[in-house]
Amino acid sequence: MAAGSGREEAAAGAGAGGYGRGPPWVALYQLHLVKAATARAFVPKELRLVEAFGYTLGGMFLARYDDSPAGKFDELVVIAGIVWNPPTSCAWAARVLVNSAQACRHGRKEVGLPSHVATFSQTEADALRNKPLVKSNGFLRLLGMRSTVSKQGNDHEIEISETKGSCTRHLCNISVPLTGSNKHKWMGPAIRMSLPSFSGQIEDHPDLLKYSCQVECRVRPVRPAKIWRPRIAEPQECPDGKISSKGSEVLAEPDAQKHTVMVLLSKPILALEFNSLEMLVDAPKIVVPHSKKKEVRYSST
């Protein structure tokens, strides 16, 4: 997720250093089972991927901010997977797409995120209106959430394309199942949580960084967003430059985008809508990968 400029600003509230409440589709946090081979294309070699049976836990975070340190913008964070650096494990962002050059600069320089400028074209489709509720899985019940997931309301279809200079590359389409400002819907419980993440190892921040998002919101389970591949042929004039993340230098830009889409198209297992979202972000700190820590040996004579 894009972040504020530090705890000192966060103390001033969402208007100063945090992220305030947004319009109808506020935020969607979706977890996917991502193939470990796909996630490793983004994760630095010195970090160990948390995986089981060839899969890790990745996904996406889609949000719109009306108030942030970088102004108003839309954001899609593509999460490659979970990485392990004892004693903690944190999410690793494969790619962060924002529709603001200011937000892109802020994410790269302040937080060390692999941010890229993109366009978010939104349309609204009358779909699944007045459909019955469907039962949720046992995992949601373990979280203390209701045993039904709403299927009412309009879907919001978003077309996302990366832009670099005069080049535009269509990345994906997302049909978001959020019901927005429906006053009669169940809003879900109010929660507070901390979402730790690694970042860095890009040109602006060559070191490995760690930061946490402190989130306050109301959360409810929703249908997973539908994501599909672009149908438009890629423009031939787009350069095949390399992305800046050290963990992914072997990937040319089209390959990095292809792997990003593979993460998005992986199997969703849980989707949560965040309402009344407010988010504060700690200033990132430099961390040393566990594999690089020096061994100190002691001997007696």
Protein backbone atom coordinates (compact mmCIF):
# COMPACT_ATOMS: atom_id res chain seq x y z
CA MET A 1 0.00 0.00 0.00
CA ALA A 2 1.17 3.53 -0.57
CA ALA A 3 2.27 5.15 2.61
CA GLY A 4 2.49 8.33 4.64
CA SER A 5 5.78 10.00 5.42
CA GLY A 6 6.18 8.76 8.98
CA ARG A 7 4.87 8.31 12.49
CA GLU A 8 5.47 11.94 13.37
CA GLU A 9 3.01 12.96 10.65
CA ALA A 10 0.65 10.13 11.49
CA ALA A 11 0.07 11.58 14.93
CA ALA A 12 -1.54 14.59 13.27
CA GLY A 13 -4.29 12.44 11.81
CA ALA A 14 -5.44 11.22 8.43
CA GLY A 15 -5.52 14.67 6.89
CA ALA A 16 -1.81 15.22 7.50
CA GLY A 17 0.10 11.97 7.18
CA GLY A 18 -2.48 9.26 6.70
CA TYR A 19 -5.15 8.12 4.32
CA GLY A 20 -8.71 9.28 4.82
CA ARG A 21 -12.11 8.01 3.83
CA GLY A 22 -12.87 7.54 0.18
CA PRO A 23 -15.92 7.32 -2.08
CA PRO A 24 -18.23 4.27 -2.61
CA TRP A 25 -15.71 1.55 -3.49
CA VAL A 26 -13.32 2.33 -0.69
CA ALA A 27 -10.96 -0.63 -0.59
CA LEU A 28 -10.81 -4.30 -1.51
CA TYR A 29 -8.25 -6.58 0.11
CA GLN A 30 -8.11 -9.92 -1.67
CA LEU A 31 -5.96 -12.93 -0.82
CA HIS A 32 -4.86 -15.40 -3.52
CA LEU A 33 -3.02 -18.70 -3.64
CA VAL A 34 -0.04 -17.77 -5.84
CA LYS A 35 2.32 -20.30 -7.36
CA ALA A 36 5.67 -20.07 -5.61
CA ALA A 37 7.48 -20.04 -8.96
CA THR A 38 5.51 -16.93 -9.98
CA ALA A 39 6.16 -15.12 -6.69
CA ARG A 40 9.90 -15.87 -6.70
CA ALA A 41 10.32 -13.79 -9.87
CA PHE A 42 9.74 -10.71 -7.68
CA VAL A 43 11.20 -11.68 -4.29
CA PRO A 44 14.89 -10.89 -3.63
CA LYS A 45 17.05 -14.01 -3.62
CA GLU A 46 18.27 -13.40 -0.07
CA LEU A 47 14.70 -13.64 1.31
CA ARG A 48 12.94 -16.95 1.78
CA LEU A 49 9.43 -17.29 0.42
CA VAL A 50 6.84 -18.68 2.84
CA GLU A 51 5.26 -21.51 0.87
CA ALA A 52 3.44 -24.82 1.20
CA PHE A 53 2.77 -27.39 -1.51
CA GLY A 54 4.20 -25.04 -4.14
CA TYR A 55 2.03 -22.02 -3.24
CA THR A 56 2.36 -18.83 -1.21
CA LEU A 57 -0.20 -16.26 -0.04
CA GLY A 58 -0.40 -13.19 -2.28
CA GLY A 59 -3.19 -11.15 -3.81
CA MET A 60 -4.06 -7.50 -4.20
CA PHE A 61 -5.18 -4.34 -2.44
CA LEU A 62 -7.36 -1.97 -4.49
CA ALA A 63 -8.24 1.43 -3.03
CA ARG A 64 -9.19 5.01 -3.75
CA TYR A 65 -7.93 7.79 -1.48
CA ASP A 66 -9.55 11.21 -1.27
CA ASP A 67 -7.03 12.33 1.33
CA SER A 68 -3.37 11.33 1.52
CA PRO A 69 0.15 12.83 1.71
CA ALA A 70 0.25 12.54 -2.10
CA GLY A 71 -3.22 13.94 -2.74
CA LYS A 72 -6.15 12.10 -4.30
CA PHE A 73 -5.40 8.93 -6.25
CA ASP A 74 -6.37 5.33 -7.02
CA GLU A 75 -4.04 2.45 -6.16
CA LEU A 76 -3.62 -1.23 -6.99
CA VAL A 77 -1.03 -3.10 -4.95
CA VAL A 78 -0.18 -6.53 -6.40
CA ILE A 79 1.17 -8.74 -3.60
CA ALA A 80 3.50 -11.47 -4.87
CA GLY A 81 3.61 -13.45 -1.63
CA ILE A 82 4.79 -13.69 1.96
CA VAL A 83 8.53 -13.67 2.69
CA TRP A 84 10.35 -14.72 5.83
CA ASN A 85 13.07 -12.77 7.60
CA PRO A 86 13.28 -14.04 11.21
CA PRO A 87 11.63 -13.26 13.50
CA THR A 88 8.88 -11.92 11.22
CA SER A 89 7.19 -12.59 7.91
CA CYS A 90 5.87 -9.78 5.73
CA ALA A 91 4.14 -9.23 2.41
CA TRP A 92 6.19 -8.41 -0.70
CA ALA A 93 4.64 -6.11 -3.31
CA ALA A 94 5.34 -7.18 -6.88
CA ARG A 95 4.03 -3.94 -8.35
CA VAL A 96 2.17 -0.83 -7.19
CA LEU A 97 0.03 1.01 -9.74
CA VAL A 98 -1.24 4.54 -9.06
CA ASN A 99 -2.93 7.10 -11.31
CA SER A 100 -0.88 10.01 -10.03
CA ALA A 101 2.73 10.94 -10.82
CA GLN A 102 2.97 12.56 -7.39
CA ALA A 103 1.79 9.36 -5.66
CA CYS A 104 4.25 7.34 -7.74
CA ARG A 105 7.18 9.53 -6.68
CA HIS A 106 6.01 9.46 -3.07
CA GLY A 107 5.77 5.67 -3.02
CA ARG A 108 9.23 5.21 -4.50
CA LYS A 109 11.13 7.89 -2.60
CA GLU A 110 9.40 7.76 0.79
CA VAL A 111 8.56 4.06 1.11
CA GLY A 112 10.70 2.21 -1.43
CA LEU A 113 7.73 0.74 -3.28
CA PRO A 114 7.90 -0.47 -6.92
CA SER A 115 5.36 2.17 -7.97
CA HIS A 116 4.32 2.80 -11.59
CA VAL A 117 1.92 5.33 -13.10
CA ALA A 118 -1.28 3.85 -14.54
CA THR A 119 -4.74 4.84 -15.69
CA PHE A 120 -7.86 3.54 -13.92
CA SER A 121 -10.90 3.70 -16.24
CA GLN A 122 -14.07 2.86 -14.34
CA THR A 123 -17.51 1.83 -15.57
CA GLU A 124 -20.50 0.59 -13.62
CA ALA A 125 -22.37 -2.56 -14.62
CA ASP A 126 -25.84 -3.48 -13.38
CA ALA A 127 -24.96 -6.98 -12.34
CA LEU A 128 -26.06 -9.38 -9.65
CA ARG A 129 -28.72 -6.97 -8.38
CA ASN A 130 -31.16 -8.48 -5.89
CA LYS A 131 -29.47 -11.86 -6.02
CA PRO A 132 -29.78 -14.15 -2.98
CA LEU A 133 -27.05 -14.37 -0.42
CA VAL A 134 -24.57 -17.20 -0.65
CA LYS A 135 -22.96 -19.09 2.19
CA SER A 136 -19.43 -18.18 3.09
CA ASN A 137 -16.73 -20.71 3.88
CA GLY A 138 -15.63 -21.93 7.29
CA PHE A 139 -12.58 -19.65 7.20
CA LEU A 140 -14.81 -16.56 7.43
CA ARG A 141 -16.71 -18.05 10.35
CA LEU A 142 -13.41 -18.60 12.16
CA LEU A 143 -12.77 -14.87 11.78
CA GLY A 144 -16.06 -14.17 13.54
CA MET A 145 -17.77 -12.84 10.42
CA ARG A 146 -21.29 -13.57 9.27
CA SER A 147 -21.92 -16.78 7.40
CA THR A 148 -23.27 -14.99 4.33
CA VAL A 149 -21.60 -12.90 1.66
CA SER A 150 -23.68 -10.23 -0.03
CA LYS A 151 -24.32 -10.54 -3.77
CA GLN A 152 -26.38 -7.37 -3.99
CA GLY A 153 -25.42 -4.12 -5.65
CA ASN A 154 -23.59 -2.97 -8.77
CA ASP A 155 -20.21 -4.21 -9.89
CA HIS A 156 -17.62 -1.59 -10.79
CA GLU A 157 -15.48 -2.56 -13.75
CA ILE A 158 -12.02 -1.02 -13.81
CA GLU A 159 -9.62 -1.15 -16.73
CA ILE A 160 -6.02 -0.64 -15.65
CA SER A 161 -3.25 0.34 -18.06
CA GLU A 162 0.33 1.29 -17.27
CA THR A 163 1.64 4.49 -18.81
CA LYS A 164 5.23 5.54 -19.45
CA GLY A 165 5.70 8.61 -21.56
CA SER A 166 3.64 8.12 -24.73
CA CYS A 167 3.46 4.35 -24.20
CA THR A 168 0.35 2.70 -22.75
CA ARG A 169 0.23 -1.00 -21.91
CA HIS A 170 -3.12 -2.54 -20.98
CA LEU A 171 -2.56 -4.66 -17.87
CA CYS A 172 -5.91 -6.08 -16.75
CA ASN A 173 -9.61 -5.53 -16.09
CA ILE A 174 -11.11 -5.92 -12.62
CA SER A 175 -14.81 -6.25 -11.81
CA VAL A 176 -15.14 -5.06 -8.21
CA PRO A 177 -18.07 -6.44 -6.17
CA LEU A 178 -18.32 -3.55 -3.73
CA THR A 179 -21.74 -2.15 -2.91
CA GLY A 180 -20.55 1.31 -1.97
CA SER A 181 -22.89 3.71 -0.20
CA ASN A 182 -25.86 1.34 0.25
CA LYS A 183 -27.12 2.42 3.67
CA HIS A 184 -29.01 -0.83 4.25
CA LYS A 185 -26.07 -3.16 3.87
CA TRP A 186 -24.29 -4.81 6.78
CA MET A 187 -21.08 -2.83 7.27
CA GLY A 188 -19.22 -5.44 9.28
CA PRO A 189 -17.32 -5.06 12.57
CA ALA A 190 -14.98 -2.17 13.29
CA ILE A 191 -11.39 -3.39 13.51
CA ARG A 192 -7.86 -2.17 14.00
CA MET A 193 -4.95 -4.06 12.53
CA SER A 194 -1.33 -3.73 11.49
CA LEU A 195 -0.22 -4.92 8.04
CA PRO A 196 3.59 -5.36 7.95
CA SER A 197 5.35 -5.28 4.58
CA PHE A 198 8.84 -5.32 3.10
CA SER A 199 9.88 -2.83 0.43
CA GLY A 200 13.03 -1.27 -0.98
CA GLN A 201 15.72 -2.73 -3.23
CA ILE A 202 14.85 -0.25 -5.97
CA GLU A 203 16.94 2.60 -7.36
CA ASP A 204 15.62 5.15 -4.85
CA HIS A 205 16.08 2.75 -1.90
CA PRO A 206 18.66 0.00 -2.56
CA ASP A 207 18.37 -1.28 1.03
CA LEU A 208 15.73 -3.71 2.23
CA LEU A 209 13.04 -1.79 4.14
CA LYS A 210 10.21 -2.75 6.46
CA TYR A 211 7.12 -0.69 7.25
CA SER A 212 3.66 -1.23 8.74
CA CYS A 213 0.24 0.13 7.82
CA GLN A 214 -1.97 0.82 10.84
CA VAL A 215 -5.53 0.36 9.58
CA GLU A 216 -8.86 1.30 11.15
CA CYS A 217 -11.99 0.37 9.22
CA ARG A 218 -15.17 -1.64 9.08
CA VAL A 219 -14.65 -4.92 7.27
CA ARG A 220 -17.03 -7.34 5.59
CA PRO A 221 -16.57 -10.34 3.30
CA VAL A 222 -17.57 -9.89 -0.34
CA ARG A 223 -17.42 -11.92 -3.52
CA PRO A 224 -13.90 -12.05 -4.96
CA ALA A 225 -13.27 -9.58 -7.77
CA LYS A 226 -13.23 -10.99 -11.29
CA ILE A 227 -9.95 -10.34 -13.06
CA TRP A 228 -9.16 -11.11 -16.68
CA ARG A 229 -6.35 -10.71 -19.16
CA PRO A 230 -6.19 -7.79 -21.57
CA ARG A 231 -7.67 -8.44 -24.99
CA ILE A 232 -5.85 -5.59 -26.70
CA ALA A 233 -2.62 -6.26 -28.65
CA GLU A 234 0.40 -4.62 -27.04
CA PRO A 235 1.79 -1.58 -28.90
CA GLN A 236 5.05 -2.39 -30.64
CA GLU A 237 6.68 0.93 -29.79
CA CYS A 238 6.75 0.24 -26.04
CA PRO A 239 10.36 -0.12 -24.83
CA ASP A 240 11.47 -3.39 -23.25
CA GLY A 241 13.38 -1.81 -20.35
CA LYS A 242 14.16 -3.57 -17.12
CA ILE A 243 12.29 -2.97 -13.90
CA SER A 244 14.22 -1.47 -11.03
CA SER A 245 13.66 -4.03 -8.26
CA LYS A 246 16.90 -5.85 -7.51
CA GLY A 247 15.01 -9.05 -6.88
CA SER A 248 13.59 -8.91 -10.40
CA GLU A 249 16.38 -7.53 -12.55
CA VAL A 250 16.32 -10.63 -14.73
CA LEU A 251 12.82 -9.72 -15.88
CA ALA A 252 12.39 -7.34 -18.79
CA GLU A 253 9.44 -4.98 -18.36
CA PRO A 254 6.92 -7.00 -20.45
CA ASP A 255 7.90 -10.15 -18.50
CA ALA A 256 7.42 -8.34 -15.19
CA GLN A 257 3.97 -7.20 -16.29
CA LYS A 258 3.16 -10.73 -17.45
CA HIS A 259 4.12 -12.14 -14.05
CA THR A 260 2.08 -9.40 -12.36
CA VAL A 261 -1.00 -10.50 -14.30
CA MET A 262 -0.25 -14.12 -13.33
CA VAL A 263 -0.40 -13.10 -9.66
CA LEU A 264 -3.72 -11.33 -10.24
CA LEU A 265 -5.16 -14.32 -12.10
CA SER A 266 -4.22 -16.78 -9.34
CA LYS A 267 -6.94 -18.44 -7.25
CA PRO A 268 -8.72 -16.07 -4.79
CA ILE A 269 -9.54 -17.52 -1.37
CA LEU A 270 -10.84 -14.49 0.54
CA ALA A 271 -12.05 -10.98 -0.36
CA LEU A 272 -12.71 -8.26 2.20
CA GLU A 273 -14.29 -4.84 1.69
CA PHE A 274 -12.89 -2.05 3.87
CA ASN A 275 -15.37 0.74 4.68
CA SER A 276 -14.70 4.00 6.57
CA LEU A 277 -11.04 3.31 5.93
CA GLU A 278 -8.37 5.33 7.71
CA MET A 279 -4.74 4.30 7.44
CA LEU A 280 -1.54 5.56 9.02
CA VAL A 281 1.90 4.38 7.98
CA ASP A 282 5.08 4.09 10.02
CA ALA A 283 8.27 5.44 8.50
CA PRO A 284 10.13 2.52 6.87
CA LYS A 285 13.22 1.15 8.57
CA ILE A 286 16.26 -0.53 7.05
CA VAL A 287 16.50 -4.22 7.87
CA VAL A 288 19.27 -6.73 7.22
CA PRO A 289 18.20 -9.95 5.49
CA HIS A 290 18.67 -12.90 7.81
CA SER A 291 20.94 -14.69 5.33
CA LYS A 292 23.31 -11.69 5.29
CA LYS A 293 23.68 -11.34 9.05
CA LYS A 294 27.21 -12.09 10.17
CA GLU A 295 27.82 -15.06 12.41
CA VAL A 296 29.59 -14.22 15.66
CA ARG A 297 31.38 -17.17 17.23
CA TYR A 298 32.75 -17.33 20.73
CA SER A 299 35.44 -19.66 21.97
CA SER A 300 37.03 -20.25 25.35
CA THR A 301 40.68 -20.79 26.06
